[in-house]
Amino acid sequence: MKTKAKIKWTLDILMTAALFFLMGYQFWGESAHEWIGAGMLAAFAAHQVCNMSWYKSLFRGRYTPMRTLQCSVNILTLAAMLGLLYSGIVMSRHVFAFLPIGGGMALARRLHILGSYWGYLLMSLHLGLHWGMVLNLAVKNNMRQRKYRTAGFTAGLFIAAYGIYVFIKRDFPTYMFLRSEFVFLDYEESRLLFFLDYLGLMGLCIFVAHYGAKLVKRAGSGQKKDGR
């Protein structure tokens, strides 16, 4: 893997891990939440700099189904992160408290909820679209690869099923569509169970994105054959 690709992949992992911990606000408190959030946004800014060539190529070339899918996820993730950036700065009481910002708290609170819940899912989907790279690095022997593919799919299926359960249990649709402007936080729940839930939810997104991308690629290949 080239150095630039390694940097981008590392930034992806750091941002997803940061957002993963940020979802557990009740365990770390306000100050830690803000500092981790600021670190995640710094990593996101660095990620955008590393991907300037992607922005320059947006209006060039043909949009295949796979390219359309990737661009859609990337642009939606960017929108979620920008919402978090704005709302985090407006609501800040520690990291950005020195800024002379007055008002806008109601809008910022809504954007923060939307950015957090959509952002977590979109970043997990983004990770899933590049999951093939992880598998290729983990399993290099072609003879063993078939066996591990089957085992990986089976494990992924069980994790995805658990992720669906978590998606419903954690009321994600309520916050994703802003049916409530106040997030319920259970300060007494087990940290282990909380993070297992969110790992399961991330696993669901990775599974959907990874195998969904395979189907999209096949559809794109089918279109090319029909067009010949």
Protein backbone atom coordinates (compact mmCIF):
# COMPACT_ATOMS: atom_id res chain seq x y z
CA MET A 1 0.00 0.00 0.00
CA LYS A 2 1.36 3.43 -0.94
CA THR A 3 2.23 5.96 1.78
CA LYS A 4 -0.60 8.36 0.87
CA ALA A 5 -3.12 5.53 0.88
CA LYS A 6 -1.85 4.42 4.30
CA ILE A 7 -2.26 7.97 5.66
CA LYS A 8 -5.82 8.23 4.32
CA TRP A 9 -6.69 4.79 5.69
CA THR A 10 -5.22 5.69 9.10
CA LEU A 11 -7.22 8.94 9.17
CA ASP A 12 -10.39 7.00 8.31
CA ILE A 13 -9.76 4.63 11.22
CA LEU A 14 -8.98 7.49 13.65
CA MET A 15 -12.11 9.44 12.68
CA THR A 16 -14.38 6.42 12.96
CA ALA A 17 -12.84 5.43 16.32
CA ALA A 18 -13.22 9.01 17.60
CA LEU A 19 -16.88 9.20 16.58
CA PHE A 20 -17.36 5.75 18.13
CA PHE A 21 -16.17 7.09 21.51
CA LEU A 22 -18.01 10.39 21.07
CA MET A 23 -21.30 8.52 20.93
CA GLY A 24 -20.61 7.53 24.55
CA TYR A 25 -20.79 11.12 25.83
CA GLN A 26 -22.18 10.01 29.19
CA PHE A 27 -19.01 8.05 30.01
CA TRP A 28 -16.40 10.76 29.41
CA GLY A 29 -18.04 14.06 30.25
CA GLU A 30 -18.30 17.35 28.43
CA SER A 31 -14.64 18.43 28.37
CA ALA A 32 -13.29 15.11 27.05
CA HIS A 33 -16.14 14.98 24.53
CA GLU A 34 -15.15 18.36 23.14
CA TRP A 35 -11.42 17.62 22.94
CA ILE A 36 -11.95 14.26 21.23
CA GLY A 37 -14.43 15.94 18.88
CA ALA A 38 -11.89 18.66 18.04
CA GLY A 39 -9.29 15.96 17.34
CA MET A 40 -11.69 14.12 15.07
CA LEU A 41 -12.46 17.29 13.12
CA ALA A 42 -8.72 18.00 12.76
CA ALA A 43 -8.26 14.50 11.34
CA PHE A 44 -11.21 15.12 9.03
CA ALA A 45 -9.62 18.34 7.76
CA ALA A 46 -6.36 16.48 7.11
CA HIS A 47 -8.32 13.79 5.29
CA GLN A 48 -9.85 16.42 2.99
CA VAL A 49 -6.39 17.80 2.17
CA CYS A 50 -5.20 14.29 1.28
CA ASN A 51 -8.20 13.89 -1.02
CA MET A 52 -7.95 17.14 -2.99
CA SER A 53 -7.39 15.12 -6.17
CA TRP A 54 -10.77 13.44 -5.59
CA TYR A 55 -12.51 16.83 -5.46
CA LYS A 56 -10.73 17.93 -8.65
CA SER A 57 -11.93 14.82 -10.48
CA LEU A 58 -15.59 15.13 -9.43
CA PHE A 59 -16.69 16.60 -12.76
CA ARG A 60 -14.43 14.44 -14.91
CA GLY A 61 -15.02 11.03 -16.36
CA ARG A 62 -18.01 8.74 -16.45
CA TYR A 63 -20.12 8.00 -13.39
CA THR A 64 -20.51 4.25 -13.02
CA PRO A 65 -22.98 2.88 -10.43
CA MET A 66 -20.04 2.20 -8.07
CA ARG A 67 -18.58 5.68 -8.47
CA THR A 68 -22.02 7.20 -7.89
CA LEU A 69 -22.41 5.17 -4.68
CA GLN A 70 -18.98 6.19 -3.39
CA CYS A 71 -19.52 9.86 -4.22
CA SER A 72 -22.94 9.86 -2.56
CA VAL A 73 -21.58 8.39 0.69
CA ASN A 74 -18.58 10.76 0.64
CA ILE A 75 -20.68 13.89 0.05
CA LEU A 76 -23.24 12.93 2.69
CA THR A 77 -20.44 12.21 5.17
CA LEU A 78 -18.92 15.61 4.39
CA ALA A 79 -22.30 17.27 5.05
CA ALA A 80 -22.63 15.44 8.40
CA MET A 81 -19.09 16.45 9.44
CA LEU A 82 -19.66 20.09 8.48
CA GLY A 83 -22.84 20.06 10.58
CA LEU A 84 -20.85 18.66 13.52
CA LEU A 85 -18.09 21.23 12.98
CA TYR A 86 -20.51 24.17 13.06
CA SER A 87 -22.66 22.88 15.92
CA GLY A 88 -19.68 21.76 18.00
CA ILE A 89 -18.09 25.21 17.81
CA VAL A 90 -21.35 27.02 18.64
CA MET A 91 -22.12 24.73 21.60
CA SER A 92 -18.55 24.57 22.91
CA ARG A 93 -17.90 25.46 26.55
CA HIS A 94 -14.25 24.43 26.63
CA VAL A 95 -12.25 24.12 23.39
CA PHE A 96 -13.86 27.01 21.50
CA ALA A 97 -15.21 28.95 24.47
CA PHE A 98 -12.92 31.87 23.61
CA LEU A 99 -14.84 32.59 20.40
CA PRO A 100 -17.38 35.46 20.64
CA ILE A 101 -20.39 33.43 19.54
CA GLY A 102 -23.83 34.38 20.74
CA GLY A 103 -27.11 32.61 20.00
CA GLY A 104 -27.86 29.84 17.53
CA MET A 105 -27.96 27.15 20.22
CA ALA A 106 -31.30 25.66 19.15
CA LEU A 107 -30.15 25.14 15.56
CA ALA A 108 -26.74 23.90 16.73
CA ARG A 109 -28.35 21.31 19.01
CA ARG A 110 -30.45 19.94 16.14
CA LEU A 111 -27.48 19.84 13.77
CA HIS A 112 -25.37 18.09 16.40
CA ILE A 113 -27.92 15.32 16.84
CA LEU A 114 -28.33 14.89 13.08
CA GLY A 115 -24.58 15.06 12.44
CA SER A 116 -23.79 12.57 15.20
CA TYR A 117 -26.26 9.84 14.25
CA TRP A 118 -26.03 10.22 10.49
CA GLY A 119 -22.27 10.77 10.73
CA TYR A 120 -21.71 7.55 12.68
CA LEU A 121 -23.61 5.48 10.13
CA LEU A 122 -22.12 7.24 7.09
CA MET A 123 -18.55 6.94 8.34
CA SER A 124 -19.16 3.26 9.02
CA LEU A 125 -20.55 2.87 5.49
CA HIS A 126 -17.51 4.72 4.14
CA LEU A 127 -15.29 2.26 6.02
CA GLY A 128 -17.30 -0.62 4.57
CA LEU A 129 -16.78 0.60 1.01
CA HIS A 130 -13.04 0.16 1.59
CA TRP A 131 -13.37 -3.07 3.57
CA GLY A 132 -11.99 -5.13 0.70
CA MET A 133 -8.63 -3.46 1.32
CA VAL A 134 -8.70 -4.66 4.94
CA LEU A 135 -9.54 -8.20 3.87
CA ASN A 136 -6.80 -8.22 1.24
CA LEU A 137 -4.26 -7.15 3.85
CA ALA A 138 -5.53 -9.69 6.39
CA VAL A 139 -5.64 -12.67 4.03
CA LYS A 140 -2.91 -12.80 1.41
CA ASN A 141 -2.90 -16.51 0.62
CA ASN A 142 -5.40 -17.25 -2.19
CA MET A 143 -5.90 -20.88 -1.18
CA ARG A 144 -6.89 -19.91 2.35
CA GLN A 145 -8.86 -16.90 1.15
CA ARG A 146 -11.90 -18.90 0.01
CA LYS A 147 -12.28 -20.54 3.39
CA TYR A 148 -11.95 -17.22 5.22
CA ARG A 149 -14.37 -15.50 2.84
CA THR A 150 -17.10 -17.95 3.81
CA ALA A 151 -16.30 -17.65 7.50
CA GLY A 152 -16.12 -13.86 7.22
CA PHE A 153 -19.48 -13.65 5.46
CA THR A 154 -21.13 -15.88 8.08
CA ALA A 155 -19.67 -13.88 10.97
CA GLY A 156 -20.60 -10.63 9.24
CA LEU A 157 -24.17 -11.81 8.79
CA PHE A 158 -24.55 -12.51 12.51
CA ILE A 159 -22.98 -9.15 13.41
CA ALA A 160 -25.26 -7.37 10.93
CA ALA A 161 -28.32 -9.06 12.47
CA TYR A 162 -27.20 -7.84 15.90
CA GLY A 163 -26.62 -4.38 14.40
CA ILE A 164 -30.24 -4.26 13.20
CA TYR A 165 -31.36 -5.08 16.74
CA VAL A 166 -29.14 -2.27 18.11
CA PHE A 167 -30.42 0.19 15.47
CA ILE A 168 -33.96 -0.37 16.76
CA LYS A 169 -33.07 -0.64 20.45
CA ARG A 170 -31.00 2.55 20.44
CA ASP A 171 -33.79 4.49 18.69
CA PHE A 172 -31.60 5.61 15.81
CA PRO A 173 -34.56 6.49 13.52
CA THR A 174 -35.89 8.86 16.19
CA TYR A 175 -32.68 10.90 16.23
CA MET A 176 -31.84 10.54 12.54
CA PHE A 177 -35.15 12.14 11.59
CA LEU A 178 -35.19 14.51 14.58
CA ARG A 179 -38.41 13.20 16.06
CA SER A 180 -36.86 14.13 19.40
CA GLU A 181 -34.46 17.00 20.12
CA PHE A 182 -33.24 15.45 23.35
CA VAL A 183 -31.09 12.32 23.38
CA PHE A 184 -31.72 9.85 26.18
CA LEU A 185 -28.45 9.06 27.97
CA ASP A 186 -28.24 6.17 30.44
CA TYR A 187 -25.42 7.06 32.85
CA GLU A 188 -25.78 3.73 34.65
CA GLU A 189 -25.41 1.34 31.73
CA SER A 190 -22.39 -0.87 31.20
CA ARG A 191 -19.66 0.68 29.06
CA LEU A 192 -18.81 -2.73 27.66
CA LEU A 193 -22.36 -3.40 26.51
CA PHE A 194 -22.68 0.12 25.11
CA PHE A 195 -19.58 -0.20 22.95
CA LEU A 196 -20.47 -3.75 21.90
CA ASP A 197 -23.79 -2.34 20.68
CA TYR A 198 -22.06 0.37 18.67
CA LEU A 199 -19.52 -2.09 17.28
CA GLY A 200 -22.46 -4.24 16.16
CA LEU A 201 -24.05 -1.22 14.50
CA MET A 202 -20.77 -0.36 12.79
CA GLY A 203 -20.50 -3.99 11.69
CA LEU A 204 -23.97 -3.75 10.13
CA CYS A 205 -22.93 -0.71 8.08
CA ILE A 206 -19.66 -2.34 7.00
CA PHE A 207 -21.50 -5.50 5.97
CA VAL A 208 -24.15 -3.58 4.00
CA ALA A 209 -21.56 -1.34 2.29
CA HIS A 210 -19.07 -4.10 1.50
CA TYR A 211 -21.50 -6.62 0.03
CA GLY A 212 -23.74 -3.92 -1.41
CA ALA A 213 -20.73 -2.57 -3.30
CA LYS A 214 -20.12 -6.03 -4.74
CA LEU A 215 -23.69 -6.10 -6.07
CA VAL A 216 -23.33 -2.59 -7.50
CA LYS A 217 -20.09 -3.56 -9.24
CA ARG A 218 -21.78 -6.61 -10.78
CA ALA A 219 -24.67 -4.42 -11.95
CA GLY A 220 -22.14 -2.05 -13.52
CA SER A 221 -20.38 -4.95 -15.25
CA GLY A 222 -23.72 -6.17 -16.56
CA GLN A 223 -24.47 -2.76 -18.03
CA LYS A 224 -21.12 -2.73 -19.84
CA LYS A 225 -21.80 -6.17 -21.37
CA ASP A 226 -25.29 -5.13 -22.49
CA GLY A 227 -23.84 -1.97 -24.06
CA ARG A 228 -21.34 -3.84 -26.24
